[in-house]
Amino acid sequence: MQEIKIKDITEIDANKYNKHLLNNINSNIFNTLEWIKYISDFYNLSSKIIYIENEKGEISASLPLAIKKNNIISFPFTDSINVISDNEDEAIKIVGEAKNYFFNKHLQNK
């Protein structure tokens, strides 16, 4: 069974995440942990990664999120950051979970 997880970028297994990026043709430099950490630190953002783990414990889909105050924002100086997945259904689940996360954690606290 696939499980959707949300973790702070400091809690992500870097080896597992990097393997995921290398195995997906639609990943780019802006999806790497190094880029996300650098931009997050520089702009004082809280950054999370929403991801799906398959039955083997491998990451099969992911999306980094930058959070500033109570808003999910785009990463500054990041030309393209997209859902990394070869599976359209997983990509849709990731985007839906991002919406749920924003609503549950941020809109309700206003």
C-alpha atoms as a PDB file:
ATOM      1  CA  MET A   1       0.000   0.000   0.000  1.00  0.00           C
ATOM      2  CA  GLN A   2       1.237   3.456  -0.864  1.00  0.00           C
ATOM      3  CA  GLU A   3       1.629   5.895   1.971  1.00  0.00           C
ATOM      4  CA  ILE A   4       1.700   9.677   1.596  1.00  0.00           C
ATOM      5  CA  LYS A   5       4.124  11.330   3.998  1.00  0.00           C
ATOM      6  CA  ILE A   6       5.049  14.922   4.760  1.00  0.00           C
ATOM      7  CA  LYS A   7       8.419  15.623   6.323  1.00  0.00           C
ATOM      8  CA  ASP A   8      10.634  18.584   6.960  1.00  0.00           C
ATOM      9  CA  ILE A   9      13.533  18.594   4.493  1.00  0.00           C
ATOM     10  CA  THR A  10      15.940  17.909   7.361  1.00  0.00           C
ATOM     11  CA  GLU A  11      14.136  14.625   8.093  1.00  0.00           C
ATOM     12  CA  ILE A  12      14.219  13.202   4.569  1.00  0.00           C
ATOM     13  CA  ASP A  13      16.465  10.218   3.843  1.00  0.00           C
ATOM     14  CA  ALA A  14      18.821  11.924   1.360  1.00  0.00           C
ATOM     15  CA  ASN A  15      19.958   8.695  -0.312  1.00  0.00           C
ATOM     16  CA  LYS A  16      16.399   7.517  -0.881  1.00  0.00           C
ATOM     17  CA  TYR A  17      15.314  10.946  -2.144  1.00  0.00           C
ATOM     18  CA  ASN A  18      18.304  11.316  -4.490  1.00  0.00           C
ATOM     19  CA  LYS A  19      17.664   7.860  -5.942  1.00  0.00           C
ATOM     20  CA  HIS A  20      14.069   8.935  -6.596  1.00  0.00           C
ATOM     21  CA  LEU A  21      15.245  12.055  -8.443  1.00  0.00           C
ATOM     22  CA  LEU A  22      17.765  10.118 -10.532  1.00  0.00           C
ATOM     23  CA  ASN A  23      15.111   7.601 -11.562  1.00  0.00           C
ATOM     24  CA  ASN A  24      12.625  10.209 -12.826  1.00  0.00           C
ATOM     25  CA  ILE A  25      13.124  12.012 -16.106  1.00  0.00           C
ATOM     26  CA  ASN A  26      11.090  15.072 -15.043  1.00  0.00           C
ATOM     27  CA  SER A  27      13.305  15.987 -12.080  1.00  0.00           C
ATOM     28  CA  ASN A  28      15.696  18.918 -12.262  1.00  0.00           C
ATOM     29  CA  ILE A  29      18.237  20.823 -10.161  1.00  0.00           C
ATOM     30  CA  PHE A  30      15.434  22.726  -8.421  1.00  0.00           C
ATOM     31  CA  ASN A  31      14.086  19.511  -6.870  1.00  0.00           C
ATOM     32  CA  THR A  32      17.365  18.577  -5.167  1.00  0.00           C
ATOM     33  CA  LEU A  33      17.689  18.716  -1.397  1.00  0.00           C
ATOM     34  CA  GLU A  34      20.765  20.917  -1.754  1.00  0.00           C
ATOM     35  CA  TRP A  35      18.839  23.564  -3.714  1.00  0.00           C
ATOM     36  CA  ILE A  36      15.817  23.405  -1.428  1.00  0.00           C
ATOM     37  CA  LYS A  37      17.963  23.657   1.718  1.00  0.00           C
ATOM     38  CA  TYR A  38      20.001  26.570   0.350  1.00  0.00           C
ATOM     39  CA  ILE A  39      16.959  28.601  -0.714  1.00  0.00           C
ATOM     40  CA  SER A  40      15.103  27.732   2.493  1.00  0.00           C
ATOM     41  CA  ASP A  41      17.982  28.830   4.696  1.00  0.00           C
ATOM     42  CA  PHE A  42      18.672  31.993   2.716  1.00  0.00           C
ATOM     43  CA  TYR A  43      15.034  33.148   2.713  1.00  0.00           C
ATOM     44  CA  ASN A  44      14.152  31.728   6.139  1.00  0.00           C
ATOM     45  CA  LEU A  45      11.519  29.352   4.794  1.00  0.00           C
ATOM     46  CA  SER A  46      10.117  26.266   6.396  1.00  0.00           C
ATOM     47  CA  SER A  47      10.332  23.582   3.729  1.00  0.00           C
ATOM     48  CA  LYS A  48       8.623  20.241   3.576  1.00  0.00           C
ATOM     49  CA  ILE A  49       8.488  17.436   1.078  1.00  0.00           C
ATOM     50  CA  ILE A  50       5.277  15.583   0.396  1.00  0.00           C
ATOM     51  CA  TYR A  51       6.046  12.138  -0.947  1.00  0.00           C
ATOM     52  CA  ILE A  52       4.660   8.702  -1.614  1.00  0.00           C
ATOM     53  CA  GLU A  53       6.494   5.562  -0.608  1.00  0.00           C
ATOM     54  CA  ASN A  54       5.727   2.375  -2.487  1.00  0.00           C
ATOM     55  CA  GLU A  55       5.533  -1.141  -1.037  1.00  0.00           C
ATOM     56  CA  LYS A  56       9.336  -1.461  -1.244  1.00  0.00           C
ATOM     57  CA  GLY A  57       9.857   1.692   0.842  1.00  0.00           C
ATOM     58  CA  GLU A  58      11.093   3.654  -2.201  1.00  0.00           C
ATOM     59  CA  ILE A  59       9.936   7.176  -2.945  1.00  0.00           C
ATOM     60  CA  SER A  60       7.790   7.066  -6.068  1.00  0.00           C
ATOM     61  CA  ALA A  61       6.417  10.633  -6.130  1.00  0.00           C
ATOM     62  CA  SER A  62       7.354  13.893  -4.411  1.00  0.00           C
ATOM     63  CA  LEU A  63       6.782  17.634  -4.257  1.00  0.00           C
ATOM     64  CA  PRO A  64       8.780  20.153  -2.187  1.00  0.00           C
ATOM     65  CA  LEU A  65       6.827  22.943  -0.480  1.00  0.00           C
ATOM     66  CA  ALA A  66       8.130  26.291   0.746  1.00  0.00           C
ATOM     67  CA  ILE A  67       6.183  27.771   3.648  1.00  0.00           C
ATOM     68  CA  LYS A  68       6.442  31.389   4.767  1.00  0.00           C
ATOM     69  CA  LYS A  69       4.281  32.333   7.733  1.00  0.00           C
ATOM     70  CA  ASN A  70       0.897  30.783   6.922  1.00  0.00           C
ATOM     71  CA  ASN A  71       1.326  30.514   3.173  1.00  0.00           C
ATOM     72  CA  ILE A  72       2.726  27.955   0.789  1.00  0.00           C
ATOM     73  CA  ILE A  73       4.822  29.999  -1.629  1.00  0.00           C
ATOM     74  CA  SER A  74       7.009  29.377  -4.641  1.00  0.00           C
ATOM     75  CA  PHE A  75      10.704  28.892  -4.022  1.00  0.00           C
ATOM     76  CA  PRO A  76      12.544  32.149  -4.897  1.00  0.00           C
ATOM     77  CA  PHE A  77      14.895  31.925  -7.895  1.00  0.00           C
ATOM     78  CA  THR A  78      13.485  28.531  -8.817  1.00  0.00           C
ATOM     79  CA  ASP A  79      12.453  28.342 -12.458  1.00  0.00           C
ATOM     80  CA  SER A  80      10.569  25.070 -12.295  1.00  0.00           C
ATOM     81  CA  ILE A  81       9.561  22.838  -9.439  1.00  0.00           C
ATOM     82  CA  ASN A  82       7.062  20.152 -10.221  1.00  0.00           C
ATOM     83  CA  VAL A  83       5.706  16.900  -8.914  1.00  0.00           C
ATOM     84  CA  ILE A  84       8.318  14.240  -9.554  1.00  0.00           C
ATOM     85  CA  SER A  85       6.506  11.097 -10.612  1.00  0.00           C
ATOM     86  CA  ASP A  86       6.139   8.856 -13.611  1.00  0.00           C
ATOM     87  CA  ASN A  87       2.592   8.052 -12.507  1.00  0.00           C
ATOM     88  CA  GLU A  88      -0.222  10.552 -13.122  1.00  0.00           C
ATOM     89  CA  ASP A  89      -2.415   9.138 -10.330  1.00  0.00           C
ATOM     90  CA  GLU A  90       0.406   9.612  -7.807  1.00  0.00           C
ATOM     91  CA  ALA A  91       0.998  13.159  -9.034  1.00  0.00           C
ATOM     92  CA  ILE A  92      -2.677  13.959  -8.496  1.00  0.00           C
ATOM     93  CA  LYS A  93      -2.537  12.453  -4.976  1.00  0.00           C
ATOM     94  CA  ILE A  94       0.516  14.575  -4.123  1.00  0.00           C
ATOM     95  CA  VAL A  95      -1.159  17.801  -5.260  1.00  0.00           C
ATOM     96  CA  GLY A  96      -4.317  16.901  -3.333  1.00  0.00           C
ATOM     97  CA  GLU A  97      -2.289  16.236  -0.203  1.00  0.00           C
ATOM     98  CA  ALA A  98      -0.534  19.614  -0.604  1.00  0.00           C
ATOM     99  CA  LYS A  99      -3.950  21.295  -0.681  1.00  0.00           C
ATOM    100  CA  ASN A 100      -5.105  19.343   2.378  1.00  0.00           C
ATOM    101  CA  TYR A 101      -1.902  20.160   4.260  1.00  0.00           C
ATOM    102  CA  PHE A 102      -2.258  23.868   3.550  1.00  0.00           C
ATOM    103  CA  PHE A 103      -5.898  23.906   4.599  1.00  0.00           C
ATOM    104  CA  ASN A 104      -5.489  21.797   7.728  1.00  0.00           C
ATOM    105  CA  LYS A 105      -2.273  23.376   9.026  1.00  0.00           C
ATOM    106  CA  HIS A 106      -2.590  26.979   7.924  1.00  0.00           C
ATOM    107  CA  LEU A 107      -6.043  28.188   6.976  1.00  0.00           C
ATOM    108  CA  GLN A 108      -7.651  26.783  10.102  1.00  0.00           C
ATOM    109  CA  ASN A 109      -5.091  28.576  12.303  1.00  0.00           C
ATOM    110  CA  LYS A 110      -5.893  32.061  10.998  1.00  0.00           C
END
